[in-house]
Amino acid sequence: MTEEKNAKNSNLTIFLADDDEDDQELLKEAFITIDSSINFYLAENGKEALHYLNSLPPTGLPCLIVLDYNMPELTGVEVLQVIANEEKYTDVPKVIWTTSSSQIHKDYCLSIGAYDYLVKPDNISDIEKMARRMLQYCKDNSVS
């Protein structure tokens, strides 16, 4: 689990769980391009993600939770299944970020509490567009 601070007084904190360091870095850089003050918490597997999220007080939640669909130990879907039923996460948008374009996977994730299901783009421009979309979810919900 790592914390990466880009500014001391940022109101936006994003939690990203993804076992692929390149994907972590690409998405993080896209967010920073949009808003360099965003704070990040990163996890490399679902078990680490749950441990971190469960350690947070209700007033210290990130404004956005991004979970990779396929991770070791616990998948993003398994993490979503756990946190979707916990009241403290109700107002935090939860996004599944994945390489799978399966409609079945998408429908299931949305049915259990995902705010969105996004297929990882293969170019920087589309990653930045996706980051803008996710950042808007964060701002729309004003949970920080």
C-alpha atoms as a PDB file:
ATOM      1  CA  MET A   1       0.000   0.000   0.000  1.00  0.00           C
ATOM      2  CA  THR A   2       1.426   3.325  -0.956  1.00  0.00           C
ATOM      3  CA  GLU A   3       0.287   6.854  -0.466  1.00  0.00           C
ATOM      4  CA  GLU A   4       1.307   9.431  -2.972  1.00  0.00           C
ATOM      5  CA  LYS A   5       0.693  13.067  -2.182  1.00  0.00           C
ATOM      6  CA  ASN A   6       0.868  15.633  -4.906  1.00  0.00           C
ATOM      7  CA  ALA A   7      -0.219  18.601  -2.814  1.00  0.00           C
ATOM      8  CA  LYS A   8      -0.639  19.235   0.873  1.00  0.00           C
ATOM      9  CA  ASN A   9      -4.145  20.661   0.716  1.00  0.00           C
ATOM     10  CA  SER A  10      -5.876  18.710  -2.014  1.00  0.00           C
ATOM     11  CA  ASN A  11      -9.549  18.004  -1.455  1.00  0.00           C
ATOM     12  CA  LEU A  12      -9.466  15.095  -3.876  1.00  0.00           C
ATOM     13  CA  THR A  13      -8.151  11.693  -2.932  1.00  0.00           C
ATOM     14  CA  ILE A  14      -8.399   8.764  -5.296  1.00  0.00           C
ATOM     15  CA  PHE A  15      -7.905   5.144  -4.322  1.00  0.00           C
ATOM     16  CA  LEU A  16      -6.668   2.864  -7.111  1.00  0.00           C
ATOM     17  CA  ALA A  17      -6.266  -0.886  -6.782  1.00  0.00           C
ATOM     18  CA  ASP A  18      -4.526  -2.491  -9.749  1.00  0.00           C
ATOM     19  CA  ASP A  19      -1.846  -5.177  -9.883  1.00  0.00           C
ATOM     20  CA  ASP A  20      -0.355  -3.796 -13.108  1.00  0.00           C
ATOM     21  CA  GLU A  21       2.146  -1.056 -12.215  1.00  0.00           C
ATOM     22  CA  ASP A  22       2.099   0.330 -15.759  1.00  0.00           C
ATOM     23  CA  ASP A  23      -1.688   0.725 -15.645  1.00  0.00           C
ATOM     24  CA  GLN A  24      -1.425   2.345 -12.208  1.00  0.00           C
ATOM     25  CA  GLU A  25       1.147   4.807 -13.475  1.00  0.00           C
ATOM     26  CA  LEU A  26      -0.728   5.633 -16.692  1.00  0.00           C
ATOM     27  CA  LEU A  27      -3.980   6.372 -14.888  1.00  0.00           C
ATOM     28  CA  LYS A  28      -2.264   8.297 -12.117  1.00  0.00           C
ATOM     29  CA  GLU A  29      -0.388  10.433 -14.666  1.00  0.00           C
ATOM     30  CA  ALA A  30      -3.634  11.116 -16.537  1.00  0.00           C
ATOM     31  CA  PHE A  31      -5.265  12.344 -13.320  1.00  0.00           C
ATOM     32  CA  ILE A  32      -2.234  14.498 -12.500  1.00  0.00           C
ATOM     33  CA  THR A  33      -2.366  16.047 -15.975  1.00  0.00           C
ATOM     34  CA  ILE A  34      -5.919  17.145 -15.183  1.00  0.00           C
ATOM     35  CA  ASP A  35      -5.350  18.189 -11.560  1.00  0.00           C
ATOM     36  CA  SER A  36      -1.867  18.076 -10.072  1.00  0.00           C
ATOM     37  CA  SER A  37      -3.230  18.419  -6.519  1.00  0.00           C
ATOM     38  CA  ILE A  38      -4.910  14.997  -6.418  1.00  0.00           C
ATOM     39  CA  ASN A  39      -3.741  12.637  -3.675  1.00  0.00           C
ATOM     40  CA  PHE A  40      -3.467   8.926  -4.430  1.00  0.00           C
ATOM     41  CA  TYR A  41      -3.565   5.739  -2.448  1.00  0.00           C
ATOM     42  CA  LEU A  42      -2.494   2.682  -4.388  1.00  0.00           C
ATOM     43  CA  ALA A  43      -2.938  -1.033  -3.739  1.00  0.00           C
ATOM     44  CA  GLU A  44      -1.579  -3.927  -5.779  1.00  0.00           C
ATOM     45  CA  ASN A  45      -4.175  -6.564  -4.919  1.00  0.00           C
ATOM     46  CA  GLY A  46      -7.692  -6.908  -3.614  1.00  0.00           C
ATOM     47  CA  LYS A  47      -6.718  -8.038  -0.134  1.00  0.00           C
ATOM     48  CA  GLU A  48      -4.513  -4.979   0.319  1.00  0.00           C
ATOM     49  CA  ALA A  49      -7.321  -2.803  -1.052  1.00  0.00           C
ATOM     50  CA  LEU A  50      -9.862  -4.115   1.460  1.00  0.00           C
ATOM     51  CA  HIS A  51      -7.417  -3.789   4.348  1.00  0.00           C
ATOM     52  CA  TYR A  52      -6.752  -0.159   3.462  1.00  0.00           C
ATOM     53  CA  LEU A  53     -10.385   0.774   2.855  1.00  0.00           C
ATOM     54  CA  ASN A  54     -11.528  -0.881   6.088  1.00  0.00           C
ATOM     55  CA  SER A  55      -8.900   1.067   8.037  1.00  0.00           C
ATOM     56  CA  LEU A  56     -10.379   4.427   7.009  1.00  0.00           C
ATOM     57  CA  PRO A  57     -12.799   6.365   9.182  1.00  0.00           C
ATOM     58  CA  PRO A  58     -16.030   7.465   7.431  1.00  0.00           C
ATOM     59  CA  THR A  59     -14.701  11.033   7.281  1.00  0.00           C
ATOM     60  CA  GLY A  60     -11.437   9.968   5.616  1.00  0.00           C
ATOM     61  CA  LEU A  61     -12.738   8.152   2.564  1.00  0.00           C
ATOM     62  CA  PRO A  62     -11.410   8.826  -0.926  1.00  0.00           C
ATOM     63  CA  CYS A  63     -13.712  10.624  -3.344  1.00  0.00           C
ATOM     64  CA  LEU A  64     -13.322   7.781  -5.850  1.00  0.00           C
ATOM     65  CA  ILE A  65     -12.478   4.074  -5.662  1.00  0.00           C
ATOM     66  CA  VAL A  66     -11.071   2.507  -8.839  1.00  0.00           C
ATOM     67  CA  LEU A  67     -10.745  -1.281  -8.852  1.00  0.00           C
ATOM     68  CA  ASP A  68      -9.115  -3.456 -11.490  1.00  0.00           C
ATOM     69  CA  TYR A  69     -11.442  -6.310 -12.403  1.00  0.00           C
ATOM     70  CA  ASN A  70      -8.709  -8.983 -12.250  1.00  0.00           C
ATOM     71  CA  MET A  71      -6.291  -8.780  -9.330  1.00  0.00           C
ATOM     72  CA  PRO A  72      -4.576 -11.421  -7.224  1.00  0.00           C
ATOM     73  CA  GLU A  73      -5.831 -12.519  -3.807  1.00  0.00           C
ATOM     74  CA  LEU A  74      -9.203 -10.802  -4.257  1.00  0.00           C
ATOM     75  CA  THR A  75     -10.510  -9.469  -7.557  1.00  0.00           C
ATOM     76  CA  GLY A  76     -11.930  -6.002  -7.934  1.00  0.00           C
ATOM     77  CA  VAL A  77     -15.355  -7.604  -8.197  1.00  0.00           C
ATOM     78  CA  GLU A  78     -14.861  -9.379  -4.852  1.00  0.00           C
ATOM     79  CA  VAL A  79     -13.753  -6.114  -3.240  1.00  0.00           C
ATOM     80  CA  LEU A  80     -16.792  -4.394  -4.745  1.00  0.00           C
ATOM     81  CA  GLN A  81     -19.085  -7.115  -3.373  1.00  0.00           C
ATOM     82  CA  VAL A  82     -17.769  -6.448   0.142  1.00  0.00           C
ATOM     83  CA  ILE A  83     -17.758  -2.653   0.144  1.00  0.00           C
ATOM     84  CA  ALA A  84     -21.003  -2.242  -1.805  1.00  0.00           C
ATOM     85  CA  ASN A  85     -22.871  -3.518   1.238  1.00  0.00           C
ATOM     86  CA  GLU A  86     -21.158  -1.206   3.720  1.00  0.00           C
ATOM     87  CA  GLU A  87     -22.928   2.050   4.472  1.00  0.00           C
ATOM     88  CA  LYS A  88     -19.760   4.111   4.795  1.00  0.00           C
ATOM     89  CA  TYR A  89     -19.007   3.600   1.076  1.00  0.00           C
ATOM     90  CA  THR A  90     -22.516   4.400  -0.175  1.00  0.00           C
ATOM     91  CA  ASP A  91     -21.662   7.880  -1.448  1.00  0.00           C
ATOM     92  CA  VAL A  92     -18.246   7.018  -2.882  1.00  0.00           C
ATOM     93  CA  PRO A  93     -18.321   6.218  -6.608  1.00  0.00           C
ATOM     94  CA  LYS A  94     -16.793   2.808  -7.245  1.00  0.00           C
ATOM     95  CA  VAL A  95     -15.452   2.171 -10.741  1.00  0.00           C
ATOM     96  CA  ILE A  96     -14.343  -1.120 -12.223  1.00  0.00           C
ATOM     97  CA  TRP A  97     -11.426  -0.527 -14.597  1.00  0.00           C
ATOM     98  CA  THR A  98     -10.651  -3.537 -16.769  1.00  0.00           C
ATOM     99  CA  THR A  99      -9.422  -5.032 -20.005  1.00  0.00           C
ATOM    100  CA  SER A 100     -12.628  -7.081 -20.344  1.00  0.00           C
ATOM    101  CA  SER A 101     -15.380  -5.706 -22.552  1.00  0.00           C
ATOM    102  CA  SER A 102     -17.748  -8.502 -21.507  1.00  0.00           C
ATOM    103  CA  GLN A 103     -21.315  -7.216 -21.243  1.00  0.00           C
ATOM    104  CA  ILE A 104     -22.030  -9.923 -18.656  1.00  0.00           C
ATOM    105  CA  HIS A 105     -19.169  -8.682 -16.449  1.00  0.00           C
ATOM    106  CA  LYS A 106     -20.290  -5.080 -16.906  1.00  0.00           C
ATOM    107  CA  ASP A 107     -23.927  -5.803 -16.072  1.00  0.00           C
ATOM    108  CA  TYR A 108     -22.947  -7.788 -12.989  1.00  0.00           C
ATOM    109  CA  CYS A 109     -20.585  -5.101 -11.664  1.00  0.00           C
ATOM    110  CA  LEU A 110     -23.189  -2.386 -12.167  1.00  0.00           C
ATOM    111  CA  SER A 111     -25.812  -4.539 -10.439  1.00  0.00           C
ATOM    112  CA  ILE A 112     -23.681  -4.945  -7.296  1.00  0.00           C
ATOM    113  CA  GLY A 113     -22.778  -1.307  -6.837  1.00  0.00           C
ATOM    114  CA  ALA A 114     -20.259  -0.157  -9.420  1.00  0.00           C
ATOM    115  CA  TYR A 115     -20.871   3.424 -10.490  1.00  0.00           C
ATOM    116  CA  ASP A 116     -19.270   2.633 -13.837  1.00  0.00           C
ATOM    117  CA  TYR A 117     -17.461  -0.141 -15.684  1.00  0.00           C
ATOM    118  CA  LEU A 118     -14.678   1.154 -17.907  1.00  0.00           C
ATOM    119  CA  VAL A 119     -12.544  -0.775 -20.369  1.00  0.00           C
ATOM    120  CA  LYS A 120      -8.886   0.271 -20.200  1.00  0.00           C
ATOM    121  CA  PRO A 121      -7.958   2.212 -23.319  1.00  0.00           C
ATOM    122  CA  ASP A 122      -4.816   1.470 -25.272  1.00  0.00           C
ATOM    123  CA  ASN A 123      -3.647   5.041 -25.789  1.00  0.00           C
ATOM    124  CA  ILE A 124      -2.782   7.991 -23.574  1.00  0.00           C
ATOM    125  CA  SER A 125      -5.399  10.333 -25.040  1.00  0.00           C
ATOM    126  CA  ASP A 126      -8.244   7.931 -24.227  1.00  0.00           C
ATOM    127  CA  ILE A 127      -6.830   7.231 -20.764  1.00  0.00           C
ATOM    128  CA  GLU A 128      -6.903  10.963 -20.078  1.00  0.00           C
ATOM    129  CA  LYS A 129     -10.516  11.185 -21.318  1.00  0.00           C
ATOM    130  CA  MET A 130     -11.417   8.308 -19.021  1.00  0.00           C
ATOM    131  CA  ALA A 131      -9.641  10.000 -16.106  1.00  0.00           C
ATOM    132  CA  ARG A 132     -11.654  13.183 -16.750  1.00  0.00           C
ATOM    133  CA  ARG A 133     -14.836  11.134 -16.695  1.00  0.00           C
ATOM    134  CA  MET A 134     -13.877   9.475 -13.403  1.00  0.00           C
ATOM    135  CA  LEU A 135     -12.794  12.775 -11.886  1.00  0.00           C
ATOM    136  CA  GLN A 136     -16.206  14.188 -12.715  1.00  0.00           C
ATOM    137  CA  TYR A 137     -17.798  11.361 -10.697  1.00  0.00           C
ATOM    138  CA  CYS A 138     -15.609  12.381  -7.811  1.00  0.00           C
ATOM    139  CA  LYS A 139     -16.613  16.036  -8.084  1.00  0.00           C
ATOM    140  CA  ASP A 140     -20.300  15.241  -8.641  1.00  0.00           C
ATOM    141  CA  ASN A 141     -20.435  13.318  -5.374  1.00  0.00           C
ATOM    142  CA  SER A 142     -18.318  15.787  -3.389  1.00  0.00           C
ATOM    143  CA  VAL A 143     -17.103  13.117  -0.977  1.00  0.00           C
ATOM    144  CA  SER A 144     -13.611  13.819   0.228  1.00  0.00           C
END
